[in-house]
Amino acid sequence: MKKMALYILLTGLLIACQESKEKSSEEVVVNDDRKYFNPKDEFIQFDTLVTEGTVYKDSISSWKGYQKVKETLEKLKKNTPNDVLNISDELVGNVVLMRDSITVDLLKIKGMRARIHTLYNQSLRLQEMKDIPAITVPEIKKQTQGLFVIFRMINRKITAIYQQVDFENELENDEFFFSKIDSIR
C-alpha cells in the first residue's frame, strides 16, 4: 500500500514537471516575436555626453585631417553598432591623416600629439572589435563614447593653446601692466 502511494506521488510529480517545462517553452516562443532580432542592428545614440566645440575654428580650418575625423564622428553619433564597426576602417584612416597633417605650428606640441595618438589607439581598438564575434553592444557603445570623449579632449587642448597665446599677446600689448611692475622696482 505504501509502495503504491509512493508510485502515484512520483508519477504525479513527473507529470507536473513535464507540464511546467512545456509551459515555460511556450512562454519563450510567445514572448519572442522577433525571430531574427539582432541587437547590433538597432539605432543607438552613441554620443550622449555634452558636445564641446572649438572656439578657434578659423585657425584649424585648413587642417584637413581634423575636419575628416570630425565628419566621421558625426556619422557615428546615431547609428547601429554594426554600422559603427563598419565605419571604423574609415575612422582609422582619417585619424592617421589627422596625425600626419598638422598644419598649424602651434598645435605641434607633445600634449596634442599624445591626445591624437590616444584617439588613434582607441579607433584601432574599435576596428579590431569588428573581428571579435562575441563582442556585445555595450562594449561597442563604451568604446565609441570613449572616442567622443578623446575628441572633446583634443578640442579642449586646441582651445587652451589659443587662449594661452591670446593671454600672452595681451600681456605684451598691455603697457599699463608692465609700467606698474617697473615702477615698483
N, C-alpha and C. Protein backbone atom coordinates (compact mmCIF):
# COMPACT_ATOMS: atom_id res chain seq x y z
N MET A 1 0.80 -1.17 0.00
CA MET A 1 0.00 0.00 0.00
C MET A 1 0.86 1.26 0.00
N LYS A 2 1.91 1.24 0.82
CA LYS A 2 2.81 2.40 0.89
C LYS A 2 3.56 2.57 -0.43
N LYS A 3 3.92 1.42 -1.04
CA LYS A 3 4.64 1.49 -2.31
C LYS A 3 3.74 2.08 -3.40
N MET A 4 2.48 1.68 -3.39
CA MET A 4 1.53 2.17 -4.39
C MET A 4 1.34 3.68 -4.24
N ALA A 5 1.25 4.16 -3.01
CA ALA A 5 1.09 5.60 -2.77
C ALA A 5 2.34 6.35 -3.22
N LEU A 6 3.49 5.77 -3.02
CA LEU A 6 4.75 6.39 -3.45
C LEU A 6 4.83 6.47 -4.97
N TYR A 7 4.42 5.40 -5.66
CA TYR A 7 4.40 5.41 -7.14
C TYR A 7 3.45 6.46 -7.68
N ILE A 8 2.32 6.59 -7.07
CA ILE A 8 1.33 7.58 -7.53
C ILE A 8 1.86 8.99 -7.30
N LEU A 9 2.50 9.20 -6.18
CA LEU A 9 3.08 10.52 -5.87
C LEU A 9 4.19 10.88 -6.86
N LEU A 10 5.09 9.95 -7.13
CA LEU A 10 6.18 10.20 -8.09
C LEU A 10 5.65 10.43 -9.50
N THR A 11 4.68 9.67 -9.90
CA THR A 11 4.08 9.84 -11.23
C THR A 11 3.43 11.22 -11.33
N GLY A 12 2.75 11.62 -10.29
CA GLY A 12 2.12 12.94 -10.27
C GLY A 12 3.16 14.06 -10.38
N LEU A 13 4.27 13.91 -9.67
CA LEU A 13 5.35 14.91 -9.74
C LEU A 13 5.97 14.98 -11.13
N LEU A 14 6.18 13.82 -11.74
CA LEU A 14 6.76 13.80 -13.09
C LEU A 14 5.84 14.48 -14.10
N ILE A 15 4.57 14.21 -14.01
CA ILE A 15 3.60 14.83 -14.93
C ILE A 15 3.56 16.34 -14.70
N ALA A 16 3.59 16.77 -13.45
CA ALA A 16 3.57 18.20 -13.14
C ALA A 16 4.82 18.89 -13.67
N CYS A 17 5.97 18.26 -13.52
CA CYS A 17 7.23 18.84 -14.02
C CYS A 17 7.21 18.96 -15.53
N GLN A 18 6.70 17.95 -16.22
CA GLN A 18 6.65 17.99 -17.67
C GLN A 18 5.72 19.09 -18.16
N GLU A 19 4.60 19.29 -17.48
CA GLU A 19 3.67 20.34 -17.86
C GLU A 19 4.30 21.71 -17.67
N SER A 20 5.06 21.92 -16.57
CA SER A 20 5.68 23.22 -16.34
C SER A 20 6.78 23.49 -17.36
N LYS A 21 7.49 22.43 -17.80
CA LYS A 21 8.51 22.60 -18.84
C LYS A 21 7.85 23.01 -20.15
N GLU A 22 6.74 22.39 -20.49
CA GLU A 22 6.05 22.72 -21.72
C GLU A 22 5.53 24.14 -21.69
N LYS A 23 5.02 24.58 -20.53
CA LYS A 23 4.52 25.95 -20.40
C LYS A 23 5.66 26.95 -20.54
N SER A 24 6.80 26.68 -19.91
CA SER A 24 7.92 27.62 -19.98
C SER A 24 8.47 27.72 -21.40
N SER A 25 8.50 26.61 -22.15
CA SER A 25 8.99 26.69 -23.52
C SER A 25 7.99 27.42 -24.39
N GLU A 26 6.70 27.28 -24.11
CA GLU A 26 5.69 28.02 -24.86
C GLU A 26 5.79 29.50 -24.58
N GLU A 27 6.08 29.89 -23.34
CA GLU A 27 6.20 31.29 -22.98
C GLU A 27 7.36 31.94 -23.72
N VAL A 28 8.46 31.24 -23.87
CA VAL A 28 9.61 31.78 -24.58
C VAL A 28 9.25 32.05 -26.04
N VAL A 29 8.55 31.13 -26.64
CA VAL A 29 8.15 31.29 -28.04
C VAL A 29 7.17 32.44 -28.19
N VAL A 30 6.24 32.58 -27.28
CA VAL A 30 5.22 33.63 -27.35
C VAL A 30 5.86 35.00 -27.14
N ASN A 31 6.81 35.13 -26.20
CA ASN A 31 7.42 36.42 -25.89
C ASN A 31 8.38 36.90 -26.97
N ASP A 32 8.99 36.00 -27.73
CA ASP A 32 9.97 36.38 -28.74
C ASP A 32 9.28 36.53 -30.09
N ASP A 33 8.70 37.71 -30.33
CA ASP A 33 8.00 37.98 -31.59
C ASP A 33 8.98 38.14 -32.74
N ARG A 34 10.16 38.70 -32.44
CA ARG A 34 11.15 38.94 -33.48
C ARG A 34 12.08 37.74 -33.56
N LYS A 35 11.86 36.90 -34.52
CA LYS A 35 12.60 35.63 -34.61
C LYS A 35 14.08 35.87 -34.94
N TYR A 36 14.36 36.84 -35.80
CA TYR A 36 15.74 37.08 -36.23
C TYR A 36 16.26 38.41 -35.72
N PHE A 37 15.89 38.80 -34.54
CA PHE A 37 16.31 40.06 -33.96
C PHE A 37 17.80 40.02 -33.60
N ASN A 38 18.51 41.07 -33.97
CA ASN A 38 19.92 41.21 -33.63
C ASN A 38 20.08 42.58 -32.97
N PRO A 39 20.53 42.64 -31.71
CA PRO A 39 20.65 43.93 -31.03
C PRO A 39 21.68 44.86 -31.68
N LYS A 40 22.55 44.31 -32.51
CA LYS A 40 23.55 45.16 -33.17
C LYS A 40 22.97 45.90 -34.36
N ASP A 41 21.69 45.65 -34.68
CA ASP A 41 21.05 46.33 -35.80
C ASP A 41 20.11 47.44 -35.35
N GLU A 42 20.05 47.74 -34.06
CA GLU A 42 19.21 48.81 -33.54
C GLU A 42 19.99 50.11 -33.54
N PHE A 43 19.30 51.23 -33.83
CA PHE A 43 19.95 52.53 -33.79
C PHE A 43 20.17 52.94 -32.34
N ILE A 44 21.37 53.45 -32.07
CA ILE A 44 21.74 53.87 -30.72
C ILE A 44 22.35 55.27 -30.80
N GLN A 45 22.06 56.10 -29.82
CA GLN A 45 22.68 57.41 -29.70
C GLN A 45 23.99 57.21 -28.95
N PHE A 46 25.11 57.27 -29.64
CA PHE A 46 26.40 56.97 -29.01
C PHE A 46 26.96 58.14 -28.23
N ASP A 47 26.86 59.34 -28.80
CA ASP A 47 27.43 60.50 -28.14
C ASP A 47 26.37 61.15 -27.27
N THR A 48 26.20 60.64 -26.05
CA THR A 48 25.17 61.16 -25.16
C THR A 48 25.70 62.23 -24.24
N LEU A 49 27.00 62.47 -24.28
CA LEU A 49 27.59 63.49 -23.43
C LEU A 49 27.46 64.86 -24.10
N VAL A 50 27.65 65.90 -23.34
CA VAL A 50 27.54 67.26 -23.86
C VAL A 50 28.67 67.51 -24.86
N THR A 51 28.32 68.04 -26.01
CA THR A 51 29.34 68.30 -27.02
C THR A 51 30.06 69.60 -26.71
N GLU A 52 31.29 69.66 -27.11
CA GLU A 52 32.09 70.85 -26.91
C GLU A 52 32.83 71.14 -28.20
N GLY A 53 32.60 72.30 -28.74
CA GLY A 53 33.27 72.68 -29.98
C GLY A 53 34.49 73.53 -29.70
N THR A 54 35.30 73.69 -30.69
CA THR A 54 36.48 74.53 -30.53
C THR A 54 36.10 75.99 -30.73
N VAL A 55 36.75 76.86 -29.99
CA VAL A 55 36.49 78.29 -30.08
C VAL A 55 37.21 78.87 -31.29
N TYR A 56 38.37 78.37 -31.60
CA TYR A 56 39.22 78.93 -32.65
C TYR A 56 39.10 78.08 -33.92
N LYS A 57 37.91 78.05 -34.50
CA LYS A 57 37.66 77.22 -35.67
C LYS A 57 38.40 77.73 -36.90
N ASP A 58 38.58 79.04 -37.01
CA ASP A 58 39.24 79.60 -38.19
C ASP A 58 40.70 79.16 -38.29
N SER A 59 41.34 78.99 -37.15
CA SER A 59 42.76 78.64 -37.16
C SER A 59 42.99 77.18 -37.57
N ILE A 60 41.99 76.31 -37.39
CA ILE A 60 42.18 74.91 -37.74
C ILE A 60 41.37 74.51 -38.97
N SER A 61 40.82 75.48 -39.66
CA SER A 61 40.00 75.16 -40.83
C SER A 61 40.84 74.56 -41.96
N SER A 62 42.12 74.85 -41.99
CA SER A 62 42.98 74.29 -43.04
C SER A 62 43.51 72.90 -42.67
N TRP A 63 43.24 72.43 -41.47
CA TRP A 63 43.71 71.12 -41.02
C TRP A 63 42.74 70.07 -41.52
N LYS A 64 43.07 69.49 -42.66
CA LYS A 64 42.18 68.56 -43.36
C LYS A 64 41.87 67.30 -42.54
N GLY A 65 42.86 66.75 -41.89
CA GLY A 65 42.66 65.53 -41.09
C GLY A 65 41.68 65.74 -39.96
N TYR A 66 41.76 66.90 -39.31
CA TYR A 66 40.84 67.21 -38.21
C TYR A 66 39.41 67.26 -38.73
N GLN A 67 39.23 67.91 -39.88
CA GLN A 67 37.88 68.03 -40.45
C GLN A 67 37.32 66.66 -40.83
N LYS A 68 38.17 65.78 -41.39
CA LYS A 68 37.73 64.43 -41.78
C LYS A 68 37.31 63.61 -40.56
N VAL A 69 38.10 63.68 -39.49
CA VAL A 69 37.76 62.94 -38.27
C VAL A 69 36.45 63.46 -37.69
N LYS A 70 36.27 64.77 -37.72
CA LYS A 70 35.04 65.36 -37.20
C LYS A 70 33.82 64.87 -38.00
N GLU A 71 33.97 64.81 -39.34
CA GLU A 71 32.87 64.32 -40.18
C GLU A 71 32.57 62.84 -39.90
N THR A 72 33.61 62.04 -39.72
CA THR A 72 33.41 60.62 -39.45
C THR A 72 32.73 60.41 -38.10
N LEU A 73 33.13 61.19 -37.10
CA LEU A 73 32.49 61.06 -35.79
C LEU A 73 31.03 61.52 -35.85
N GLU A 74 30.72 62.47 -36.72
CA GLU A 74 29.32 62.86 -36.90
C GLU A 74 28.49 61.70 -37.44
N LYS A 75 29.10 60.89 -38.32
CA LYS A 75 28.40 59.71 -38.84
C LYS A 75 28.13 58.69 -37.73
N LEU A 76 29.03 58.64 -36.75
CA LEU A 76 28.92 57.65 -35.67
C LEU A 76 27.94 58.05 -34.59
N LYS A 77 27.55 59.32 -34.53
CA LYS A 77 26.72 59.80 -33.41
C LYS A 77 25.48 58.97 -33.18
N LYS A 78 24.68 58.77 -34.21
CA LYS A 78 23.47 57.96 -34.06
C LYS A 78 23.46 56.96 -35.19
N ASN A 79 23.81 55.73 -34.85
CA ASN A 79 23.94 54.68 -35.85
C ASN A 79 23.77 53.33 -35.17
N THR A 80 23.77 52.28 -35.97
CA THR A 80 23.69 50.94 -35.40
C THR A 80 25.10 50.48 -35.05
N PRO A 81 25.23 49.60 -34.06
CA PRO A 81 26.56 49.09 -33.71
C PRO A 81 27.27 48.42 -34.89
N ASN A 82 26.54 47.72 -35.75
CA ASN A 82 27.17 47.11 -36.92
C ASN A 82 27.73 48.16 -37.86
N ASP A 83 26.98 49.24 -38.08
CA ASP A 83 27.47 50.31 -38.94
C ASP A 83 28.67 51.01 -38.33
N VAL A 84 28.66 51.16 -37.01
CA VAL A 84 29.81 51.77 -36.33
C VAL A 84 31.06 50.94 -36.57
N LEU A 85 30.92 49.63 -36.46
CA LEU A 85 32.08 48.76 -36.70
C LEU A 85 32.53 48.84 -38.15
N ASN A 86 31.60 49.00 -39.08
CA ASN A 86 31.97 49.11 -40.49
C ASN A 86 32.63 50.44 -40.80
N ILE A 87 32.24 51.50 -40.11
CA ILE A 87 32.82 52.83 -40.34
C ILE A 87 34.19 52.95 -39.67
N SER A 88 34.52 52.03 -38.79
CA SER A 88 35.77 52.13 -38.03
C SER A 88 37.00 52.13 -38.94
N ASP A 89 36.96 51.44 -40.07
CA ASP A 89 38.09 51.46 -41.01
C ASP A 89 38.33 52.88 -41.53
N GLU A 90 37.25 53.55 -41.89
CA GLU A 90 37.35 54.93 -42.37
C GLU A 90 37.87 55.85 -41.27
N LEU A 91 37.43 55.62 -40.04
CA LEU A 91 37.87 56.45 -38.92
C LEU A 91 39.37 56.30 -38.69
N VAL A 92 39.88 55.09 -38.74
CA VAL A 92 41.32 54.87 -38.53
C VAL A 92 42.12 55.60 -39.60
N GLY A 93 41.69 55.50 -40.86
CA GLY A 93 42.38 56.20 -41.93
C GLY A 93 42.37 57.71 -41.75
N ASN A 94 41.25 58.25 -41.27
CA ASN A 94 41.16 59.69 -41.06
C ASN A 94 41.99 60.15 -39.87
N VAL A 95 42.08 59.32 -38.84
CA VAL A 95 42.92 59.68 -37.69
C VAL A 95 44.39 59.67 -38.09
N VAL A 96 44.78 58.73 -38.94
CA VAL A 96 46.16 58.72 -39.45
C VAL A 96 46.43 60.00 -40.24
N LEU A 97 45.48 60.41 -41.08
CA LEU A 97 45.61 61.66 -41.83
C LEU A 97 45.69 62.84 -40.87
N MET A 98 44.90 62.83 -39.82
CA MET A 98 44.93 63.91 -38.83
C MET A 98 46.29 63.98 -38.13
N ARG A 99 46.80 62.82 -37.79
CA ARG A 99 48.09 62.75 -37.08
C ARG A 99 49.23 63.25 -37.95
N ASP A 100 49.18 62.92 -39.24
CA ASP A 100 50.29 63.24 -40.13
C ASP A 100 50.18 64.61 -40.79
N SER A 101 49.03 65.28 -40.67
CA SER A 101 48.85 66.52 -41.41
C SER A 101 48.55 67.71 -40.52
N ILE A 102 49.21 67.82 -39.40
CA ILE A 102 49.01 69.00 -38.55
C ILE A 102 49.63 70.19 -39.26
N THR A 103 48.79 71.14 -39.68
CA THR A 103 49.28 72.29 -40.46
C THR A 103 49.58 73.48 -39.58
N VAL A 104 49.03 73.56 -38.41
CA VAL A 104 49.23 74.71 -37.52
C VAL A 104 50.42 74.43 -36.62
N ASP A 105 51.42 75.31 -36.68
CA ASP A 105 52.64 75.08 -35.91
C ASP A 105 52.40 75.11 -34.40
N LEU A 106 51.44 75.92 -33.95
CA LEU A 106 51.15 75.98 -32.51
C LEU A 106 50.68 74.65 -31.96
N LEU A 107 50.08 73.83 -32.80
CA LEU A 107 49.50 72.57 -32.34
C LEU A 107 50.47 71.39 -32.42
N LYS A 108 51.67 71.64 -32.85
CA LYS A 108 52.67 70.57 -32.94
C LYS A 108 53.44 70.45 -31.63
N ILE A 109 52.70 70.19 -30.56
CA ILE A 109 53.31 70.04 -29.25
C ILE A 109 53.02 68.63 -28.72
N LYS A 110 53.76 68.25 -27.69
CA LYS A 110 53.64 66.89 -27.16
C LYS A 110 52.24 66.57 -26.64
N GLY A 111 51.62 67.51 -25.97
CA GLY A 111 50.29 67.26 -25.41
C GLY A 111 49.26 66.97 -26.49
N MET A 112 49.35 67.69 -27.59
CA MET A 112 48.41 67.46 -28.69
C MET A 112 48.69 66.13 -29.37
N ARG A 113 49.96 65.85 -29.59
CA ARG A 113 50.31 64.57 -30.23
C ARG A 113 49.89 63.38 -29.36
N ALA A 114 50.01 63.51 -28.05
CA ALA A 114 49.60 62.43 -27.14
C ALA A 114 48.10 62.17 -27.26
N ARG A 115 47.32 63.23 -27.35
CA ARG A 115 45.87 63.06 -27.48
C ARG A 115 45.50 62.43 -28.82
N ILE A 116 46.19 62.84 -29.87
CA ILE A 116 45.91 62.28 -31.19
C ILE A 116 46.30 60.80 -31.23
N HIS A 117 47.43 60.45 -30.60
CA HIS A 117 47.84 59.03 -30.55
C HIS A 117 46.83 58.21 -29.74
N THR A 118 46.28 58.80 -28.69
CA THR A 118 45.26 58.10 -27.90
C THR A 118 44.01 57.87 -28.75
N LEU A 119 43.62 58.87 -29.52
CA LEU A 119 42.47 58.71 -30.42
C LEU A 119 42.76 57.63 -31.46
N TYR A 120 43.98 57.58 -31.96
CA TYR A 120 44.37 56.57 -32.94
C TYR A 120 44.28 55.16 -32.33
N ASN A 121 44.81 55.00 -31.11
CA ASN A 121 44.78 53.69 -30.46
C ASN A 121 43.36 53.23 -30.18
N GLN A 122 42.51 54.14 -29.75
CA GLN A 122 41.12 53.77 -29.46
C GLN A 122 40.34 53.47 -30.73
N SER A 123 40.65 54.17 -31.82
CA SER A 123 39.97 53.85 -33.09
C SER A 123 40.46 52.51 -33.63
N LEU A 124 41.73 52.18 -33.41
CA LEU A 124 42.21 50.85 -33.78
C LEU A 124 41.51 49.77 -32.98
N ARG A 125 41.26 50.03 -31.71
CA ARG A 125 40.54 49.07 -30.86
C ARG A 125 39.13 48.85 -31.39
N LEU A 126 38.47 49.93 -31.82
CA LEU A 126 37.13 49.79 -32.39
C LEU A 126 37.18 48.98 -33.67
N GLN A 127 38.20 49.20 -34.46
CA GLN A 127 38.36 48.45 -35.71
C GLN A 127 38.59 46.97 -35.43
N GLU A 128 39.34 46.65 -34.39
CA GLU A 128 39.60 45.25 -34.04
C GLU A 128 38.34 44.57 -33.49
N MET A 129 37.44 45.34 -32.91
CA MET A 129 36.19 44.77 -32.38
C MET A 129 35.36 44.13 -33.48
N LYS A 130 35.55 44.58 -34.70
CA LYS A 130 34.79 44.03 -35.82
C LYS A 130 35.11 42.55 -36.03
N ASP A 131 36.32 42.14 -35.68
CA ASP A 131 36.75 40.77 -35.89
C ASP A 131 36.43 39.85 -34.71
N ILE A 132 35.90 40.40 -33.63
CA ILE A 132 35.57 39.59 -32.46
C ILE A 132 34.10 39.21 -32.54
N PRO A 133 33.79 37.92 -32.71
CA PRO A 133 32.39 37.54 -32.89
C PRO A 133 31.55 37.68 -31.62
N ALA A 134 32.16 37.58 -30.46
CA ALA A 134 31.39 37.62 -29.21
C ALA A 134 31.28 39.03 -28.64
N ILE A 135 31.55 40.05 -29.43
CA ILE A 135 31.50 41.43 -28.93
C ILE A 135 30.04 41.82 -28.68
N THR A 136 29.82 42.56 -27.61
CA THR A 136 28.46 42.93 -27.24
C THR A 136 28.19 44.40 -27.55
N VAL A 137 26.94 44.75 -27.58
CA VAL A 137 26.54 46.13 -27.87
C VAL A 137 27.05 47.10 -26.80
N PRO A 138 26.96 46.78 -25.50
CA PRO A 138 27.50 47.72 -24.51
C PRO A 138 29.01 47.97 -24.68
N GLU A 139 29.75 46.97 -25.09
CA GLU A 139 31.19 47.16 -25.31
C GLU A 139 31.44 48.10 -26.48
N ILE A 140 30.67 47.95 -27.55
CA ILE A 140 30.80 48.83 -28.70
C ILE A 140 30.41 50.25 -28.31
N LYS A 141 29.34 50.37 -27.55
CA LYS A 141 28.88 51.70 -27.12
C LYS A 141 29.92 52.38 -26.24
N LYS A 142 30.50 51.65 -25.32
CA LYS A 142 31.51 52.21 -24.43
C LYS A 142 32.74 52.67 -25.21
N GLN A 143 33.17 51.87 -26.16
CA GLN A 143 34.34 52.22 -26.97
C GLN A 143 34.06 53.45 -27.83
N THR A 144 32.88 53.53 -28.41
CA THR A 144 32.53 54.65 -29.27
C THR A 144 32.39 55.93 -28.45
N GLN A 145 31.79 55.85 -27.28
CA GLN A 145 31.70 57.03 -26.43
C GLN A 145 33.08 57.49 -25.98
N GLY A 146 34.00 56.55 -25.79
CA GLY A 146 35.37 56.91 -25.46
C GLY A 146 36.03 57.72 -26.56
N LEU A 147 35.73 57.39 -27.81
CA LEU A 147 36.26 58.16 -28.94
C LEU A 147 35.77 59.60 -28.89
N PHE A 148 34.49 59.78 -28.57
CA PHE A 148 33.94 61.14 -28.49
C PHE A 148 34.58 61.92 -27.34
N VAL A 149 34.84 61.27 -26.23
CA VAL A 149 35.48 61.92 -25.09
C VAL A 149 36.89 62.37 -25.47
N ILE A 150 37.64 61.52 -26.14
CA ILE A 150 39.00 61.88 -26.55
C ILE A 150 38.98 63.02 -27.55
N PHE A 151 38.03 63.01 -28.48
CA PHE A 151 37.94 64.10 -29.46
C PHE A 151 37.61 65.42 -28.75
N ARG A 152 36.77 65.37 -27.72
CA ARG A 152 36.49 66.59 -26.96
C ARG A 152 37.73 67.05 -26.21
N MET A 153 38.56 66.11 -25.75
CA MET A 153 39.81 66.49 -25.09
C MET A 153 40.74 67.19 -26.08
N ILE A 154 40.76 66.74 -27.32
CA ILE A 154 41.57 67.40 -28.35
C ILE A 154 41.04 68.82 -28.57
N ASN A 155 39.72 68.98 -28.63
CA ASN A 155 39.14 70.31 -28.81
C ASN A 155 39.48 71.23 -27.64
N ARG A 156 39.43 70.69 -26.42
CA ARG A 156 39.79 71.50 -25.25
C ARG A 156 41.25 71.92 -25.28
N LYS A 157 42.11 71.02 -25.73
CA LYS A 157 43.54 71.36 -25.82
C LYS A 157 43.78 72.45 -26.85
N ILE A 158 43.10 72.36 -27.99
CA ILE A 158 43.23 73.40 -29.02
C ILE A 158 42.78 74.74 -28.45
N THR A 159 41.65 74.74 -27.77
CA THR A 159 41.13 75.98 -27.17
C THR A 159 42.10 76.52 -26.12
N ALA A 160 42.67 75.65 -25.29
CA ALA A 160 43.61 76.08 -24.25
C ALA A 160 44.88 76.66 -24.85
N ILE A 161 45.36 76.07 -25.92
CA ILE A 161 46.58 76.58 -26.57
C ILE A 161 46.34 78.00 -27.09
N TYR A 162 45.22 78.20 -27.76
CA TYR A 162 44.93 79.52 -28.32
C TYR A 162 44.59 80.54 -27.24
N GLN A 163 43.98 80.12 -26.16
CA GLN A 163 43.74 81.05 -25.06
C GLN A 163 45.04 81.48 -24.41
N GLN A 164 45.99 80.57 -24.31
CA GLN A 164 47.29 80.92 -23.75
C GLN A 164 48.02 81.91 -24.65
N VAL A 165 47.95 81.70 -25.95
CA VAL A 165 48.59 82.63 -26.90
C VAL A 165 47.92 84.00 -26.81
N ASP A 166 46.60 84.04 -26.73
CA ASP A 166 45.90 85.32 -26.59
C ASP A 166 46.29 86.03 -25.31
N PHE A 167 46.40 85.29 -24.22
CA PHE A 167 46.79 85.88 -22.94
C PHE A 167 48.21 86.46 -23.02
N GLU A 168 49.13 85.72 -23.63
CA GLU A 168 50.50 86.21 -23.76
C GLU A 168 50.55 87.46 -24.63
N ASN A 169 49.76 87.49 -25.69
CA ASN A 169 49.71 88.68 -26.55
C ASN A 169 49.13 89.88 -25.81
N GLU A 170 48.13 89.66 -24.97
CA GLU A 170 47.56 90.75 -24.19
C GLU A 170 48.57 91.29 -23.19
N LEU A 171 49.37 90.41 -22.60
CA LEU A 171 50.39 90.86 -21.65
C LEU A 171 51.44 91.72 -22.35
N GLU A 172 51.84 91.33 -23.55
CA GLU A 172 52.83 92.10 -24.29
C GLU A 172 52.29 93.44 -24.74
N ASN A 173 51.01 93.48 -25.09
CA ASN A 173 50.42 94.72 -25.59
C ASN A 173 49.94 95.65 -24.49
N ASP A 174 49.76 95.16 -23.29
CA ASP A 174 49.25 95.98 -22.19
C ASP A 174 50.42 96.66 -21.49
N GLU A 175 50.68 97.90 -21.86
CA GLU A 175 51.81 98.62 -21.29
C GLU A 175 51.55 99.03 -19.84
N PHE A 176 50.29 99.17 -19.47
CA PHE A 176 49.94 99.54 -18.11
C PHE A 176 50.45 98.50 -17.11
N PHE A 177 50.28 97.25 -17.41
CA PHE A 177 50.71 96.17 -16.53
C PHE A 177 52.21 96.23 -16.31
N PHE A 178 52.98 96.41 -17.39
CA PHE A 178 54.43 96.41 -17.26
C PHE A 178 54.93 97.71 -16.64
N SER A 179 54.22 98.81 -16.86
CA SER A 179 54.68 100.07 -16.25
C SER A 179 54.53 100.02 -14.72
N LYS A 180 53.52 99.35 -14.20
CA LYS A 180 53.36 99.22 -12.76
C LYS A 180 54.47 98.35 -12.17
N ILE A 181 54.84 97.29 -12.87
CA ILE A 181 55.91 96.43 -12.37
C ILE A 181 57.23 97.19 -12.35
N ASP A 182 57.49 97.99 -13.38
CA ASP A 182 58.73 98.76 -13.44
C ASP A 182 58.79 99.81 -12.36
N SER A 183 57.64 100.40 -12.02
CA SER A 183 57.63 101.46 -11.02
C SER A 183 57.84 100.93 -9.60
N ILE A 184 57.58 99.66 -9.39
CA ILE A 184 57.75 99.07 -8.06
C ILE A 184 59.23 98.88 -7.77
N ARG A 185 60.00 98.65 -8.76
CA ARG A 185 61.45 98.41 -8.56
C ARG A 185 62.09 99.63 -8.18
